[in-house]
Amino acid sequence: MEKLINKINKFQQNVFKYNINDAVGNLQQIVSELEGIIGIVSSDEVKKIHEILEYINSAFHNKDYLLMADLFEYELISCLNNISDEERLN
């Protein structure tokens, strides 16, 4: 999970520096990491991740990279942290 969060942070840094091409490259890495996580979490968590990704996809199509960065930080990372917390409790 930490590896994925680091990739998300790298995406955000590239957006804030307006290195959009690099940020888009980071997206491919993020999606690859998410594919692995989706296979090990509950269906409710998959639904939540999917919902967040729909918003991120919409922002991407609108070329609203700052909104994408915010969605990653305030929605996806928060969701991933909740998943990590639940895994620690089990």
C-alpha atoms as a PDB file:
ATOM      1  CA  MET A   1       0.000   0.000   0.000  1.00  0.00           C
ATOM      2  CA  GLU A   2       2.853   2.355   0.834  1.00  0.00           C
ATOM      3  CA  LYS A   3       4.306   1.881  -2.648  1.00  0.00           C
ATOM      4  CA  LEU A   4       1.000   2.955  -4.209  1.00  0.00           C
ATOM      5  CA  ILE A   5       0.708   6.007  -1.976  1.00  0.00           C
ATOM      6  CA  ASN A   6       4.241   7.028  -2.943  1.00  0.00           C
ATOM      7  CA  LYS A   7       3.271   6.799  -6.622  1.00  0.00           C
ATOM      8  CA  ILE A   8       0.206   8.932  -5.975  1.00  0.00           C
ATOM      9  CA  ASN A   9       2.395  11.508  -4.227  1.00  0.00           C
ATOM     10  CA  LYS A  10       4.730  11.502  -7.220  1.00  0.00           C
ATOM     11  CA  PHE A  11       1.738  12.102  -9.508  1.00  0.00           C
ATOM     12  CA  GLN A  12       0.704  15.061  -7.367  1.00  0.00           C
ATOM     13  CA  GLN A  13       4.200  16.541  -7.395  1.00  0.00           C
ATOM     14  CA  ASN A  14       4.292  16.329 -11.179  1.00  0.00           C
ATOM     15  CA  VAL A  15       0.895  18.014 -11.451  1.00  0.00           C
ATOM     16  CA  PHE A  16       1.958  20.824  -9.108  1.00  0.00           C
ATOM     17  CA  LYS A  17       5.111  21.329 -11.198  1.00  0.00           C
ATOM     18  CA  TYR A  18       2.921  21.155 -14.319  1.00  0.00           C
ATOM     19  CA  ASN A  19       4.847  18.163 -15.652  1.00  0.00           C
ATOM     20  CA  ILE A  20       1.658  16.744 -17.135  1.00  0.00           C
ATOM     21  CA  ASN A  21       3.351  14.157 -19.362  1.00  0.00           C
ATOM     22  CA  ASP A  22       5.180  12.737 -16.359  1.00  0.00           C
ATOM     23  CA  ALA A  23       1.971  12.821 -14.304  1.00  0.00           C
ATOM     24  CA  VAL A  24       0.125  10.837 -16.978  1.00  0.00           C
ATOM     25  CA  GLY A  25       2.965   8.307 -16.920  1.00  0.00           C
ATOM     26  CA  ASN A  26       2.479   8.036 -13.161  1.00  0.00           C
ATOM     27  CA  LEU A  27      -1.185   7.184 -13.765  1.00  0.00           C
ATOM     28  CA  GLN A  28      -0.235   3.976 -15.519  1.00  0.00           C
ATOM     29  CA  GLN A  29       1.830   2.916 -12.517  1.00  0.00           C
ATOM     30  CA  ILE A  30      -0.967   3.827 -10.106  1.00  0.00           C
ATOM     31  CA  VAL A  31      -3.528   1.798 -12.058  1.00  0.00           C
ATOM     32  CA  SER A  32      -1.189  -1.209 -12.117  1.00  0.00           C
ATOM     33  CA  GLU A  33      -0.794  -1.031  -8.332  1.00  0.00           C
ATOM     34  CA  LEU A  34      -4.544  -0.653  -7.851  1.00  0.00           C
ATOM     35  CA  GLU A  35      -5.206  -3.782  -9.897  1.00  0.00           C
ATOM     36  CA  GLY A  36      -3.260  -5.787  -7.336  1.00  0.00           C
ATOM     37  CA  ILE A  37      -5.117  -4.248  -4.419  1.00  0.00           C
ATOM     38  CA  ILE A  38      -8.555  -4.781  -5.919  1.00  0.00           C
ATOM     39  CA  GLY A  39      -7.944  -8.517  -5.897  1.00  0.00           C
ATOM     40  CA  ILE A  40      -7.488  -8.633  -2.120  1.00  0.00           C
ATOM     41  CA  VAL A  41     -10.103  -6.231  -0.732  1.00  0.00           C
ATOM     42  CA  SER A  42     -13.816  -6.657  -0.041  1.00  0.00           C
ATOM     43  CA  SER A  43     -16.458  -5.949  -2.660  1.00  0.00           C
ATOM     44  CA  ASP A  44     -17.574  -2.832  -0.743  1.00  0.00           C
ATOM     45  CA  GLU A  45     -14.039  -1.472  -0.858  1.00  0.00           C
ATOM     46  CA  VAL A  46     -13.807  -2.285  -4.576  1.00  0.00           C
ATOM     47  CA  LYS A  47     -17.029  -0.327  -5.160  1.00  0.00           C
ATOM     48  CA  LYS A  48     -15.637   2.660  -3.264  1.00  0.00           C
ATOM     49  CA  ILE A  49     -12.353   2.567  -5.200  1.00  0.00           C
ATOM     50  CA  HIS A  50     -14.280   2.248  -8.474  1.00  0.00           C
ATOM     51  CA  GLU A  51     -16.430   5.257  -7.591  1.00  0.00           C
ATOM     52  CA  ILE A  52     -13.355   7.358  -6.821  1.00  0.00           C
ATOM     53  CA  LEU A  53     -11.709   6.237 -10.066  1.00  0.00           C
ATOM     54  CA  GLU A  54     -14.802   7.323 -12.014  1.00  0.00           C
ATOM     55  CA  TYR A  55     -14.411  10.838 -10.593  1.00  0.00           C
ATOM     56  CA  ILE A  56     -10.688  10.796 -11.365  1.00  0.00           C
ATOM     57  CA  ASN A  57     -11.419   9.633 -14.921  1.00  0.00           C
ATOM     58  CA  SER A  58     -13.934  12.437 -15.386  1.00  0.00           C
ATOM     59  CA  ALA A  59     -11.383  14.987 -14.166  1.00  0.00           C
ATOM     60  CA  PHE A  60      -8.787  13.478 -16.526  1.00  0.00           C
ATOM     61  CA  HIS A  61     -11.088  13.817 -19.532  1.00  0.00           C
ATOM     62  CA  ASN A  62     -11.709  17.442 -18.548  1.00  0.00           C
ATOM     63  CA  LYS A  63      -7.930  17.939 -18.214  1.00  0.00           C
ATOM     64  CA  ASP A  64      -8.523  19.072 -14.626  1.00  0.00           C
ATOM     65  CA  TYR A  65      -5.278  17.722 -13.226  1.00  0.00           C
ATOM     66  CA  LEU A  66      -5.533  19.676  -9.977  1.00  0.00           C
ATOM     67  CA  LEU A  67      -8.900  18.069  -9.268  1.00  0.00           C
ATOM     68  CA  MET A  68      -7.317  14.706  -9.995  1.00  0.00           C
ATOM     69  CA  ALA A  69      -4.540  15.438  -7.504  1.00  0.00           C
ATOM     70  CA  ASP A  70      -7.134  16.424  -4.894  1.00  0.00           C
ATOM     71  CA  LEU A  71      -9.218  13.303  -5.535  1.00  0.00           C
ATOM     72  CA  PHE A  72      -6.145  11.141  -5.157  1.00  0.00           C
ATOM     73  CA  GLU A  73      -5.134  12.832  -1.927  1.00  0.00           C
ATOM     74  CA  TYR A  74      -8.452  13.355  -0.178  1.00  0.00           C
ATOM     75  CA  GLU A  75     -10.454  10.424  -1.499  1.00  0.00           C
ATOM     76  CA  LEU A  76      -8.261   7.585  -2.747  1.00  0.00           C
ATOM     77  CA  ILE A  77      -5.447   7.837  -0.188  1.00  0.00           C
ATOM     78  CA  SER A  78      -8.040   8.125   2.566  1.00  0.00           C
ATOM     79  CA  CYS A  79      -9.768   4.995   1.251  1.00  0.00           C
ATOM     80  CA  LEU A  80      -6.456   3.137   1.013  1.00  0.00           C
ATOM     81  CA  ASN A  81      -5.526   4.158   4.562  1.00  0.00           C
ATOM     82  CA  ASN A  82      -8.868   2.808   5.790  1.00  0.00           C
ATOM     83  CA  ILE A  83      -8.182  -0.477   4.012  1.00  0.00           C
ATOM     84  CA  SER A  84      -4.712  -0.641   5.601  1.00  0.00           C
ATOM     85  CA  ASP A  85      -6.189   0.058   9.034  1.00  0.00           C
ATOM     86  CA  GLU A  86      -8.765  -2.711   8.588  1.00  0.00           C
ATOM     87  CA  GLU A  87      -6.062  -5.154   7.487  1.00  0.00           C
ATOM     88  CA  ARG A  88      -4.057  -4.385  10.633  1.00  0.00           C
ATOM     89  CA  LEU A  89      -7.092  -5.049  12.811  1.00  0.00           C
ATOM     90  CA  ASN A  90      -7.759  -8.451  11.242  1.00  0.00           C
END
